[in-house]
């Protein structure tokens, strides 16, 4: 969980041939004002030089300052990179090394992991990137513990994502760490995206829910509307008109995890919202999220988030 102030300082890197999509994700997540929230990030756009930066499609970005000293920032976001075979300049490498050494976070979106890995900081650490560049990355950085086909990773204050929409998932994950589930849900609603896709979910699946698995899509919506009930996987399979075995197989291939684990994650996400926005007791929240008992809620909450519901409420209560 976050160790920073109420308004973490964020540096967002801009570079020549800037990835406009991932840069836009970073700006939307960490720069766009959120007047409905009491506190939010304070962000600057940093360039490798003081010249305006050209992005794809003829877009020009004016930076606030040059990447040199990152001492005033809590987090650095690298939204893609100019090319997998382009080594970052020494002043950027030095700034990233210094930032990590003093306890700052580094967030690399998509191909931004190539710039981060060039510092050596990822050696022996987990990282991922867009599936199309997985082979190139592992060949260039064999010392990195590469995790294939996941949405994002995080270890030792360094976070990497699959890129594209995976950049939004990682950004929301960082917001959840800093501000909790309720504020993350506010942002996700503004973006019209899911508030939480688990990091281990596959980057791509063989079929889409709506087009190829209509019943499965309907079942997922039904579950989300009935999380307060003590549903189990057998009931989910019956709702989808599938055998338990077929349901497990189709759900895992489509969503990227077992239906049981997915259901627990959805309930935990709802419990986080209750803890942040209500005075309900843990037992009442357990009843309202399908966990039935406070003991069951405490077990899964601590297992997945690393702290108890009581500690979570003390940190994120509105």
C-alpha atoms as a PDB file:
ATOM      1  CA  UNK A   1       0.000   0.000   0.000  1.00  0.00           C
ATOM      2  CA  UNK A   2       1.001   3.583  -0.473  1.00  0.00           C
ATOM      3  CA  UNK A   3       3.641   5.252   1.677  1.00  0.00           C
ATOM      4  CA  UNK A   4       3.355   8.671   0.041  1.00  0.00           C
ATOM      5  CA  UNK A   5       1.570  11.896   0.922  1.00  0.00           C
ATOM      6  CA  UNK A   6      -2.078  12.622   0.138  1.00  0.00           C
ATOM      7  CA  UNK A   7      -1.017  14.025  -3.257  1.00  0.00           C
ATOM      8  CA  UNK A   8       1.874  12.004  -4.700  1.00  0.00           C
ATOM      9  CA  UNK A   9       4.108  13.825  -7.170  1.00  0.00           C
ATOM     10  CA  UNK A  10       4.207  12.096 -10.565  1.00  0.00           C
ATOM     11  CA  UNK A  11       6.632  12.567 -13.464  1.00  0.00           C
ATOM     12  CA  UNK A  12       5.457  11.372 -16.887  1.00  0.00           C
ATOM     13  CA  UNK A  13       8.156  10.883 -19.502  1.00  0.00           C
ATOM     14  CA  UNK A  14       7.773  12.247 -23.033  1.00  0.00           C
ATOM     15  CA  UNK A  15      10.210  11.208 -25.773  1.00  0.00           C
ATOM     16  CA  UNK A  16      10.587  11.476 -29.545  1.00  0.00           C
ATOM     17  CA  UNK A  17       8.106   9.294 -31.472  1.00  0.00           C
ATOM     18  CA  UNK A  18       5.976   9.237 -28.335  1.00  0.00           C
ATOM     19  CA  UNK A  19       3.353   6.485 -28.013  1.00  0.00           C
ATOM     20  CA  UNK A  20       0.304   8.754 -28.057  1.00  0.00           C
ATOM     21  CA  UNK A  21      -2.109   6.145 -26.675  1.00  0.00           C
ATOM     22  CA  UNK A  22      -0.115   5.119 -23.612  1.00  0.00           C
ATOM     23  CA  UNK A  23       0.952   8.725 -22.999  1.00  0.00           C
ATOM     24  CA  UNK A  24      -2.715   9.688 -23.172  1.00  0.00           C
ATOM     25  CA  UNK A  25      -3.554   6.958 -20.651  1.00  0.00           C
ATOM     26  CA  UNK A  26      -0.944   8.325 -18.240  1.00  0.00           C
ATOM     27  CA  UNK A  27      -2.241  11.878 -18.645  1.00  0.00           C
ATOM     28  CA  UNK A  28      -5.863  10.844 -18.156  1.00  0.00           C
ATOM     29  CA  UNK A  29      -5.045   8.783 -15.054  1.00  0.00           C
ATOM     30  CA  UNK A  30      -2.548  11.038 -13.306  1.00  0.00           C
ATOM     31  CA  UNK A  31      -2.935  14.574 -14.734  1.00  0.00           C
ATOM     32  CA  UNK A  32      -6.641  15.120 -15.412  1.00  0.00           C
ATOM     33  CA  UNK A  33      -8.155  17.018 -12.449  1.00  0.00           C
ATOM     34  CA  UNK A  34     -10.625  15.118 -10.268  1.00  0.00           C
ATOM     35  CA  UNK A  35     -12.574  17.908  -8.507  1.00  0.00           C
ATOM     36  CA  UNK A  36     -15.002  15.337  -7.078  1.00  0.00           C
ATOM     37  CA  UNK A  37     -12.098  13.844  -5.087  1.00  0.00           C
ATOM     38  CA  UNK A  38     -10.515  15.730  -2.194  1.00  0.00           C
ATOM     39  CA  UNK A  39      -6.902  14.998  -3.117  1.00  0.00           C
ATOM     40  CA  UNK A  40      -5.250  13.877  -6.317  1.00  0.00           C
ATOM     41  CA  UNK A  41      -1.865  13.515  -7.989  1.00  0.00           C
ATOM     42  CA  UNK A  42       0.373  16.478  -8.816  1.00  0.00           C
ATOM     43  CA  UNK A  43       1.996  15.704 -12.169  1.00  0.00           C
ATOM     44  CA  UNK A  44       4.527  17.110 -14.646  1.00  0.00           C
ATOM     45  CA  UNK A  45       5.480  16.093 -18.187  1.00  0.00           C
ATOM     46  CA  UNK A  46       9.249  15.621 -18.459  1.00  0.00           C
ATOM     47  CA  UNK A  47      11.219  15.448 -21.695  1.00  0.00           C
ATOM     48  CA  UNK A  48      14.680  14.125 -22.535  1.00  0.00           C
ATOM     49  CA  UNK A  49      15.484  17.623 -23.813  1.00  0.00           C
ATOM     50  CA  UNK A  50      13.738  20.977 -23.502  1.00  0.00           C
ATOM     51  CA  UNK A  51      12.454  20.815 -27.092  1.00  0.00           C
ATOM     52  CA  UNK A  52       8.796  19.974 -27.887  1.00  0.00           C
ATOM     53  CA  UNK A  53       8.235  16.256 -28.452  1.00  0.00           C
ATOM     54  CA  UNK A  54       6.668  14.808 -31.601  1.00  0.00           C
ATOM     55  CA  UNK A  55       4.210  11.938 -31.175  1.00  0.00           C
ATOM     56  CA  UNK A  56       2.524   9.675 -33.690  1.00  0.00           C
ATOM     57  CA  UNK A  57      -0.019  11.353 -35.961  1.00  0.00           C
ATOM     58  CA  UNK A  58       1.773  14.690 -36.017  1.00  0.00           C
ATOM     59  CA  UNK A  59       0.921  15.549 -32.409  1.00  0.00           C
ATOM     60  CA  UNK A  60       3.381  17.855 -30.621  1.00  0.00           C
ATOM     61  CA  UNK A  61       3.742  17.768 -26.845  1.00  0.00           C
ATOM     62  CA  UNK A  62       5.217  20.637 -24.867  1.00  0.00           C
ATOM     63  CA  UNK A  63       7.045  19.361 -21.784  1.00  0.00           C
ATOM     64  CA  UNK A  64       7.207  21.078 -18.388  1.00  0.00           C
ATOM     65  CA  UNK A  65      10.893  20.420 -17.752  1.00  0.00           C
ATOM     66  CA  UNK A  66      13.810  18.140 -18.623  1.00  0.00           C
ATOM     67  CA  UNK A  67      14.398  14.775 -16.986  1.00  0.00           C
ATOM     68  CA  UNK A  68      17.392  15.384 -14.792  1.00  0.00           C
ATOM     69  CA  UNK A  69      16.763  15.311 -11.074  1.00  0.00           C
ATOM     70  CA  UNK A  70      13.677  13.349  -9.975  1.00  0.00           C
ATOM     71  CA  UNK A  71      14.153  14.087  -6.275  1.00  0.00           C
ATOM     72  CA  UNK A  72      10.820  15.929  -5.975  1.00  0.00           C
ATOM     73  CA  UNK A  73       8.788  13.052  -7.440  1.00  0.00           C
ATOM     74  CA  UNK A  74       7.284   9.956  -5.837  1.00  0.00           C
ATOM     75  CA  UNK A  75       6.535   8.093  -9.067  1.00  0.00           C
ATOM     76  CA  UNK A  76       7.898   8.035 -12.623  1.00  0.00           C
ATOM     77  CA  UNK A  77       5.713   6.824 -15.508  1.00  0.00           C
ATOM     78  CA  UNK A  78       7.354   5.674 -18.754  1.00  0.00           C
ATOM     79  CA  UNK A  79       4.510   5.434 -21.327  1.00  0.00           C
ATOM     80  CA  UNK A  80       6.087   3.213 -23.978  1.00  0.00           C
ATOM     81  CA  UNK A  81       9.458   3.814 -25.563  1.00  0.00           C
ATOM     82  CA  UNK A  82      10.814   5.137 -28.835  1.00  0.00           C
ATOM     83  CA  UNK A  83      12.126   1.732 -29.972  1.00  0.00           C
ATOM     84  CA  UNK A  84      13.146  -1.599 -28.450  1.00  0.00           C
ATOM     85  CA  UNK A  85      16.686  -1.214 -29.765  1.00  0.00           C
ATOM     86  CA  UNK A  86      17.090   2.396 -28.570  1.00  0.00           C
ATOM     87  CA  UNK A  87      19.162   2.695 -25.406  1.00  0.00           C
ATOM     88  CA  UNK A  88      17.979   5.380 -22.974  1.00  0.00           C
ATOM     89  CA  UNK A  89      20.355   8.345 -22.554  1.00  0.00           C
ATOM     90  CA  UNK A  90      22.642   8.213 -19.544  1.00  0.00           C
ATOM     91  CA  UNK A  91      20.946  11.106 -17.755  1.00  0.00           C
ATOM     92  CA  UNK A  92      17.627   9.219 -17.830  1.00  0.00           C
ATOM     93  CA  UNK A  93      19.255   6.014 -16.572  1.00  0.00           C
ATOM     94  CA  UNK A  94      20.964   7.930 -13.754  1.00  0.00           C
ATOM     95  CA  UNK A  95      17.693   9.628 -12.779  1.00  0.00           C
ATOM     96  CA  UNK A  96      15.837   6.301 -12.655  1.00  0.00           C
ATOM     97  CA  UNK A  97      18.577   4.654 -10.596  1.00  0.00           C
ATOM     98  CA  UNK A  98      18.574   7.526  -8.107  1.00  0.00           C
ATOM     99  CA  UNK A  99      14.789   7.511  -7.865  1.00  0.00           C
ATOM    100  CA  UNK A 100      14.625   3.807  -7.104  1.00  0.00           C
ATOM    101  CA  UNK A 101      17.462   4.001  -4.602  1.00  0.00           C
ATOM    102  CA  UNK A 102      15.628   6.577  -2.483  1.00  0.00           C
ATOM    103  CA  UNK A 103      12.375   4.604  -2.506  1.00  0.00           C
ATOM    104  CA  UNK A 104      10.403   6.004  -5.461  1.00  0.00           C
ATOM    105  CA  UNK A 105       8.191   3.959  -7.770  1.00  0.00           C
ATOM    106  CA  UNK A 106       8.732   3.428 -11.490  1.00  0.00           C
ATOM    107  CA  UNK A 107       5.810   2.484 -13.740  1.00  0.00           C
ATOM    108  CA  UNK A 108       6.636   1.256 -17.254  1.00  0.00           C
ATOM    109  CA  UNK A 109       3.713   0.976 -19.668  1.00  0.00           C
ATOM    110  CA  UNK A 110       4.083  -1.424 -22.591  1.00  0.00           C
ATOM    111  CA  UNK A 111       7.446  -0.959 -24.315  1.00  0.00           C
ATOM    112  CA  UNK A 112       8.518   1.381 -21.514  1.00  0.00           C
ATOM    113  CA  UNK A 113       9.854  -1.770 -19.870  1.00  0.00           C
ATOM    114  CA  UNK A 114      12.724  -1.762 -22.415  1.00  0.00           C
ATOM    115  CA  UNK A 115      13.890   1.610 -21.062  1.00  0.00           C
ATOM    116  CA  UNK A 116      13.512   0.465 -17.462  1.00  0.00           C
ATOM    117  CA  UNK A 117      15.298  -2.841 -18.052  1.00  0.00           C
ATOM    118  CA  UNK A 118      18.260  -0.996 -19.599  1.00  0.00           C
ATOM    119  CA  UNK A 119      19.037   0.394 -16.139  1.00  0.00           C
ATOM    120  CA  UNK A 120      19.628  -3.105 -14.746  1.00  0.00           C
ATOM    121  CA  UNK A 121      17.043  -2.501 -12.013  1.00  0.00           C
ATOM    122  CA  UNK A 122      14.829  -5.295 -13.299  1.00  0.00           C
ATOM    123  CA  UNK A 123      17.527  -7.984 -13.164  1.00  0.00           C
ATOM    124  CA  UNK A 124      16.108 -10.824 -11.082  1.00  0.00           C
ATOM    125  CA  UNK A 125      12.730  -9.042 -10.843  1.00  0.00           C
ATOM    126  CA  UNK A 126       9.366  -9.749 -12.461  1.00  0.00           C
ATOM    127  CA  UNK A 127       8.339  -7.812 -15.561  1.00  0.00           C
ATOM    128  CA  UNK A 128       6.065  -8.108 -18.582  1.00  0.00           C
ATOM    129  CA  UNK A 129       5.334  -6.275 -21.830  1.00  0.00           C
ATOM    130  CA  UNK A 130       3.073  -6.478 -24.867  1.00  0.00           C
ATOM    131  CA  UNK A 131       2.852 -10.058 -26.125  1.00  0.00           C
ATOM    132  CA  UNK A 132       4.214  -9.110 -29.562  1.00  0.00           C
ATOM    133  CA  UNK A 133       7.573  -8.082 -28.043  1.00  0.00           C
ATOM    134  CA  UNK A 134       7.946 -10.852 -25.463  1.00  0.00           C
ATOM    135  CA  UNK A 135      10.541 -12.794 -27.475  1.00  0.00           C
ATOM    136  CA  UNK A 136      12.645  -9.693 -28.188  1.00  0.00           C
ATOM    137  CA  UNK A 137      12.563  -8.648 -24.542  1.00  0.00           C
ATOM    138  CA  UNK A 138      13.649 -12.014 -23.162  1.00  0.00           C
ATOM    139  CA  UNK A 139      16.505 -12.183 -25.666  1.00  0.00           C
ATOM    140  CA  UNK A 140      17.720  -8.676 -24.796  1.00  0.00           C
ATOM    141  CA  UNK A 141      17.271  -8.971 -21.028  1.00  0.00           C
ATOM    142  CA  UNK A 142      17.751 -12.633 -20.033  1.00  0.00           C
ATOM    143  CA  UNK A 143      18.367 -11.720 -16.368  1.00  0.00           C
ATOM    144  CA  UNK A 144      14.838 -10.337 -15.953  1.00  0.00           C
ATOM    145  CA  UNK A 145      12.190 -12.709 -14.586  1.00  0.00           C
ATOM    146  CA  UNK A 146       9.832 -12.256 -17.523  1.00  0.00           C
ATOM    147  CA  UNK A 147       6.161 -13.121 -16.926  1.00  0.00           C
ATOM    148  CA  UNK A 148       4.422 -13.949 -20.192  1.00  0.00           C
ATOM    149  CA  UNK A 149       0.846 -13.044 -21.150  1.00  0.00           C
ATOM    150  CA  UNK A 150      -0.314 -11.179 -18.029  1.00  0.00           C
ATOM    151  CA  UNK A 151      -1.774  -7.683 -17.755  1.00  0.00           C
ATOM    152  CA  UNK A 152       0.792  -6.247 -15.350  1.00  0.00           C
ATOM    153  CA  UNK A 153       3.425  -7.056 -12.739  1.00  0.00           C
ATOM    154  CA  UNK A 154       4.847  -5.340  -9.684  1.00  0.00           C
ATOM    155  CA  UNK A 155       7.930  -6.034  -7.600  1.00  0.00           C
ATOM    156  CA  UNK A 156      10.324  -3.887  -5.572  1.00  0.00           C
ATOM    157  CA  UNK A 157       8.471  -0.650  -6.440  1.00  0.00           C
ATOM    158  CA  UNK A 158       8.777  -1.339 -10.188  1.00  0.00           C
ATOM    159  CA  UNK A 159       5.609  -1.987 -12.169  1.00  0.00           C
ATOM    160  CA  UNK A 160       5.236  -3.040 -15.803  1.00  0.00           C
ATOM    161  CA  UNK A 161       2.210  -3.579 -18.034  1.00  0.00           C
ATOM    162  CA  UNK A 162       1.255  -5.300 -21.251  1.00  0.00           C
ATOM    163  CA  UNK A 163       0.655  -1.954 -22.916  1.00  0.00           C
ATOM    164  CA  UNK A 164      -2.377  -0.558 -24.770  1.00  0.00           C
ATOM    165  CA  UNK A 165      -5.448  -1.103 -22.542  1.00  0.00           C
ATOM    166  CA  UNK A 166      -3.196  -2.956 -20.086  1.00  0.00           C
ATOM    167  CA  UNK A 167      -1.714   0.471 -19.353  1.00  0.00           C
ATOM    168  CA  UNK A 168      -5.098   1.534 -17.981  1.00  0.00           C
ATOM    169  CA  UNK A 169      -5.274  -1.592 -15.820  1.00  0.00           C
ATOM    170  CA  UNK A 170      -1.880  -0.890 -14.294  1.00  0.00           C
ATOM    171  CA  UNK A 171      -2.719   2.792 -13.816  1.00  0.00           C
ATOM    172  CA  UNK A 172      -5.909   1.884 -11.954  1.00  0.00           C
ATOM    173  CA  UNK A 173      -3.906  -0.565  -9.870  1.00  0.00           C
ATOM    174  CA  UNK A 174      -1.557   2.243  -8.822  1.00  0.00           C
ATOM    175  CA  UNK A 175      -4.524   4.483  -7.978  1.00  0.00           C
ATOM    176  CA  UNK A 176      -5.993   1.643  -5.909  1.00  0.00           C
ATOM    177  CA  UNK A 177      -2.737   1.376  -3.972  1.00  0.00           C
ATOM    178  CA  UNK A 178      -2.679   5.115  -3.258  1.00  0.00           C
ATOM    179  CA  UNK A 179      -6.344   5.972  -2.793  1.00  0.00           C
ATOM    180  CA  UNK A 180      -8.301   2.730  -2.339  1.00  0.00           C
ATOM    181  CA  UNK A 181     -11.084   0.993  -4.250  1.00  0.00           C
ATOM    182  CA  UNK A 182     -13.773   3.661  -3.957  1.00  0.00           C
ATOM    183  CA  UNK A 183     -11.794   6.418  -5.677  1.00  0.00           C
ATOM    184  CA  UNK A 184     -10.552   3.899  -8.242  1.00  0.00           C
ATOM    185  CA  UNK A 185     -14.166   3.072  -9.036  1.00  0.00           C
ATOM    186  CA  UNK A 186     -14.890   6.796  -9.534  1.00  0.00           C
ATOM    187  CA  UNK A 187     -12.068   7.060 -12.085  1.00  0.00           C
ATOM    188  CA  UNK A 188     -12.997   3.814 -13.848  1.00  0.00           C
ATOM    189  CA  UNK A 189     -16.574   5.026 -14.275  1.00  0.00           C
ATOM    190  CA  UNK A 190     -15.263   8.224 -15.876  1.00  0.00           C
ATOM    191  CA  UNK A 191     -13.187   6.094 -18.246  1.00  0.00           C
ATOM    192  CA  UNK A 192     -16.052   3.617 -18.835  1.00  0.00           C
ATOM    193  CA  UNK A 193     -13.788   0.649 -18.061  1.00  0.00           C
ATOM    194  CA  UNK A 194     -13.728  -2.135 -15.508  1.00  0.00           C
ATOM    195  CA  UNK A 195     -12.417  -0.908 -12.166  1.00  0.00           C
ATOM    196  CA  UNK A 196     -10.324  -4.011 -11.640  1.00  0.00           C
ATOM    197  CA  UNK A 197      -8.913  -6.639 -13.968  1.00  0.00           C
ATOM    198  CA  UNK A 198      -6.578  -8.871 -12.039  1.00  0.00           C
ATOM    199  CA  UNK A 199      -2.895  -8.709 -12.959  1.00  0.00           C
ATOM    200  CA  UNK A 200      -2.751 -12.401 -13.849  1.00  0.00           C
ATOM    201  CA  UNK A 201      -5.551 -12.170 -16.403  1.00  0.00           C
ATOM    202  CA  UNK A 202      -4.423 -13.079 -19.922  1.00  0.00           C
ATOM    203  CA  UNK A 203      -3.584 -10.273 -22.348  1.00  0.00           C
ATOM    204  CA  UNK A 204      -5.807 -11.886 -24.946  1.00  0.00           C
ATOM    205  CA  UNK A 205      -8.327 -14.704 -25.111  1.00  0.00           C
ATOM    206  CA  UNK A 206      -9.454 -17.031 -27.878  1.00  0.00           C
ATOM    207  CA  UNK A 207     -13.033 -15.723 -28.019  1.00  0.00           C
ATOM    208  CA  UNK A 208     -14.862 -12.690 -26.760  1.00  0.00           C
ATOM    209  CA  UNK A 209     -17.531 -13.118 -24.116  1.00  0.00           C
ATOM    210  CA  UNK A 210     -20.354 -11.430 -25.980  1.00  0.00           C
ATOM    211  CA  UNK A 211     -19.807 -12.902 -29.424  1.00  0.00           C
ATOM    212  CA  UNK A 212     -18.918 -16.519 -28.629  1.00  0.00           C
ATOM    213  CA  UNK A 213     -20.104 -17.125 -25.063  1.00  0.00           C
ATOM    214  CA  UNK A 214     -23.374 -15.228 -24.702  1.00  0.00           C
ATOM    215  CA  UNK A 215     -24.601 -17.396 -21.836  1.00  0.00           C
ATOM    216  CA  UNK A 216     -21.309 -17.021 -20.035  1.00  0.00           C
ATOM    217  CA  UNK A 217     -21.467 -13.235 -20.441  1.00  0.00           C
ATOM    218  CA  UNK A 218     -25.006 -13.214 -19.048  1.00  0.00           C
ATOM    219  CA  UNK A 219     -23.934 -15.412 -16.143  1.00  0.00           C
ATOM    220  CA  UNK A 220     -21.113 -13.064 -15.188  1.00  0.00           C
ATOM    221  CA  UNK A 221     -23.536 -10.133 -15.131  1.00  0.00           C
ATOM    222  CA  UNK A 222     -25.960 -12.197 -13.054  1.00  0.00           C
ATOM    223  CA  UNK A 223     -23.237 -12.990 -10.526  1.00  0.00           C
ATOM    224  CA  UNK A 224     -22.198  -9.332 -10.262  1.00  0.00           C
ATOM    225  CA  UNK A 225     -25.804  -8.409  -9.485  1.00  0.00           C
ATOM    226  CA  UNK A 226     -26.044 -11.087  -6.774  1.00  0.00           C
ATOM    227  CA  UNK A 227     -22.707 -10.924  -4.974  1.00  0.00           C
ATOM    228  CA  UNK A 228     -24.511 -10.662  -1.631  1.00  0.00           C
ATOM    229  CA  UNK A 229     -25.872 -14.188  -2.058  1.00  0.00           C
ATOM    230  CA  UNK A 230     -23.805 -17.295  -1.135  1.00  0.00           C
ATOM    231  CA  UNK A 231     -23.319 -18.339  -4.759  1.00  0.00           C
ATOM    232  CA  UNK A 232     -20.940 -21.133  -5.729  1.00  0.00           C
ATOM    233  CA  UNK A 233     -19.424 -22.317  -8.997  1.00  0.00           C
ATOM    234  CA  UNK A 234     -21.967 -25.107  -9.440  1.00  0.00           C
ATOM    235  CA  UNK A 235     -24.789 -22.561  -9.376  1.00  0.00           C
ATOM    236  CA  UNK A 236     -22.881 -20.391 -11.839  1.00  0.00           C
ATOM    237  CA  UNK A 237     -22.546 -23.365 -14.214  1.00  0.00           C
ATOM    238  CA  UNK A 238     -26.262 -24.105 -13.930  1.00  0.00           C
ATOM    239  CA  UNK A 239     -27.071 -20.469 -14.702  1.00  0.00           C
ATOM    240  CA  UNK A 240     -24.924 -20.752 -17.848  1.00  0.00           C
ATOM    241  CA  UNK A 241     -26.643 -24.043 -18.805  1.00  0.00           C
ATOM    242  CA  UNK A 242     -23.281 -25.819 -18.864  1.00  0.00           C
ATOM    243  CA  UNK A 243     -21.821 -28.794 -17.064  1.00  0.00           C
ATOM    244  CA  UNK A 244     -19.439 -27.904 -14.252  1.00  0.00           C
ATOM    245  CA  UNK A 245     -16.484 -29.168 -16.285  1.00  0.00           C
ATOM    246  CA  UNK A 246     -17.433 -27.254 -19.448  1.00  0.00           C
ATOM    247  CA  UNK A 247     -18.149 -24.117 -17.446  1.00  0.00           C
ATOM    248  CA  UNK A 248     -14.756 -24.242 -15.695  1.00  0.00           C
ATOM    249  CA  UNK A 249     -12.972 -24.734 -19.009  1.00  0.00           C
ATOM    250  CA  UNK A 250     -14.823 -21.980 -20.891  1.00  0.00           C
ATOM    251  CA  UNK A 251     -14.593 -19.533 -18.003  1.00  0.00           C
ATOM    252  CA  UNK A 252     -10.840 -20.008 -17.593  1.00  0.00           C
ATOM    253  CA  UNK A 253     -10.134 -19.730 -21.329  1.00  0.00           C
ATOM    254  CA  UNK A 254     -12.254 -16.564 -21.570  1.00  0.00           C
ATOM    255  CA  UNK A 255     -11.521 -14.721 -18.324  1.00  0.00           C
ATOM    256  CA  UNK A 256      -8.025 -16.069 -17.630  1.00  0.00           C
ATOM    257  CA  UNK A 257      -8.668 -17.499 -14.165  1.00  0.00           C
ATOM    258  CA  UNK A 258     -10.893 -20.043 -12.431  1.00  0.00           C
ATOM    259  CA  UNK A 259     -14.505 -19.037 -11.713  1.00  0.00           C
ATOM    260  CA  UNK A 260     -13.943 -19.583  -7.970  1.00  0.00           C
ATOM    261  CA  UNK A 261     -10.976 -17.214  -7.804  1.00  0.00           C
ATOM    262  CA  UNK A 262     -12.732 -14.645 -10.014  1.00  0.00           C
ATOM    263  CA  UNK A 263     -15.778 -14.718  -7.717  1.00  0.00           C
ATOM    264  CA  UNK A 264     -13.592 -14.144  -4.639  1.00  0.00           C
ATOM    265  CA  UNK A 265     -11.893 -11.162  -6.309  1.00  0.00           C
ATOM    266  CA  UNK A 266     -15.253  -9.575  -7.188  1.00  0.00           C
ATOM    267  CA  UNK A 267     -16.442  -9.982  -3.605  1.00  0.00           C
ATOM    268  CA  UNK A 268     -13.241  -8.510  -2.214  1.00  0.00           C
ATOM    269  CA  UNK A 269     -13.574  -5.493  -4.524  1.00  0.00           C
ATOM    270  CA  UNK A 270     -17.118  -4.922  -3.238  1.00  0.00           C
ATOM    271  CA  UNK A 271     -15.927  -5.350   0.363  1.00  0.00           C
ATOM    272  CA  UNK A 272     -13.264  -2.693  -0.196  1.00  0.00           C
ATOM    273  CA  UNK A 273     -15.937  -0.238  -1.276  1.00  0.00           C
ATOM    274  CA  UNK A 274     -18.045  -0.992   1.815  1.00  0.00           C
ATOM    275  CA  UNK A 275     -15.024  -0.548   4.098  1.00  0.00           C
ATOM    276  CA  UNK A 276     -14.206   2.825   2.572  1.00  0.00           C
ATOM    277  CA  UNK A 277     -17.690   4.320   2.384  1.00  0.00           C
ATOM    278  CA  UNK A 278     -19.781   2.811   5.212  1.00  0.00           C
ATOM    279  CA  UNK A 279     -19.617   2.112   8.934  1.00  0.00           C
ATOM    280  CA  UNK A 280     -20.811  -1.475   8.510  1.00  0.00           C
ATOM    281  CA  UNK A 281     -19.119  -4.008  10.751  1.00  0.00           C
ATOM    282  CA  UNK A 282     -16.926  -6.699   9.211  1.00  0.00           C
ATOM    283  CA  UNK A 283     -19.692  -9.229   9.875  1.00  0.00           C
ATOM    284  CA  UNK A 284     -22.262  -7.038   8.098  1.00  0.00           C
ATOM    285  CA  UNK A 285     -19.934  -6.555   5.126  1.00  0.00           C
ATOM    286  CA  UNK A 286     -19.281 -10.306   4.982  1.00  0.00           C
ATOM    287  CA  UNK A 287     -23.041 -10.863   4.769  1.00  0.00           C
ATOM    288  CA  UNK A 288     -23.435  -8.177   2.086  1.00  0.00           C
ATOM    289  CA  UNK A 289     -20.648  -9.590  -0.108  1.00  0.00           C
ATOM    290  CA  UNK A 290     -21.466 -13.301  -0.008  1.00  0.00           C
ATOM    291  CA  UNK A 291     -18.651 -14.299   2.334  1.00  0.00           C
ATOM    292  CA  UNK A 292     -21.272 -15.099   5.002  1.00  0.00           C
ATOM    293  CA  UNK A 293     -18.886 -14.894   7.980  1.00  0.00           C
ATOM    294  CA  UNK A 294     -16.371 -12.293   9.100  1.00  0.00           C
ATOM    295  CA  UNK A 295     -13.768 -15.029   9.468  1.00  0.00           C
ATOM    296  CA  UNK A 296     -14.158 -16.017   5.818  1.00  0.00           C
ATOM    297  CA  UNK A 297     -13.933 -12.372   4.688  1.00  0.00           C
ATOM    298  CA  UNK A 298     -10.844 -11.718   6.836  1.00  0.00           C
ATOM    299  CA  UNK A 299      -9.102 -14.802   5.459  1.00  0.00           C
ATOM    300  CA  UNK A 300      -9.544 -13.940   1.776  1.00  0.00           C
ATOM    301  CA  UNK A 301      -9.075 -10.196   2.275  1.00  0.00           C
ATOM    302  CA  UNK A 302      -5.732 -10.676   4.021  1.00  0.00           C
ATOM    303  CA  UNK A 303      -4.641 -13.334   1.532  1.00  0.00           C
ATOM    304  CA  UNK A 304      -5.250 -11.111  -1.485  1.00  0.00           C
ATOM    305  CA  UNK A 305      -4.456  -7.623  -0.155  1.00  0.00           C
ATOM    306  CA  UNK A 306      -1.883  -8.337   2.539  1.00  0.00           C
ATOM    307  CA  UNK A 307      -3.721  -6.525   5.338  1.00  0.00           C
ATOM    308  CA  UNK A 308      -6.842  -7.063   7.407  1.00  0.00           C
ATOM    309  CA  UNK A 309     -10.202  -5.378   6.690  1.00  0.00           C
ATOM    310  CA  UNK A 310      -9.778  -3.282   9.849  1.00  0.00           C
ATOM    311  CA  UNK A 311      -6.356  -2.004   8.783  1.00  0.00           C
ATOM    312  CA  UNK A 312      -7.649  -1.357   5.268  1.00  0.00           C
ATOM    313  CA  UNK A 313     -10.526   0.730   6.636  1.00  0.00           C
ATOM    314  CA  UNK A 314      -8.158   2.749   8.828  1.00  0.00           C
ATOM    315  CA  UNK A 315      -6.029   3.567   5.763  1.00  0.00           C
ATOM    316  CA  UNK A 316      -8.715   4.280   3.157  1.00  0.00           C
ATOM    317  CA  UNK A 317     -11.954   5.175   4.962  1.00  0.00           C
ATOM    318  CA  UNK A 318     -13.630   8.231   3.430  1.00  0.00           C
END
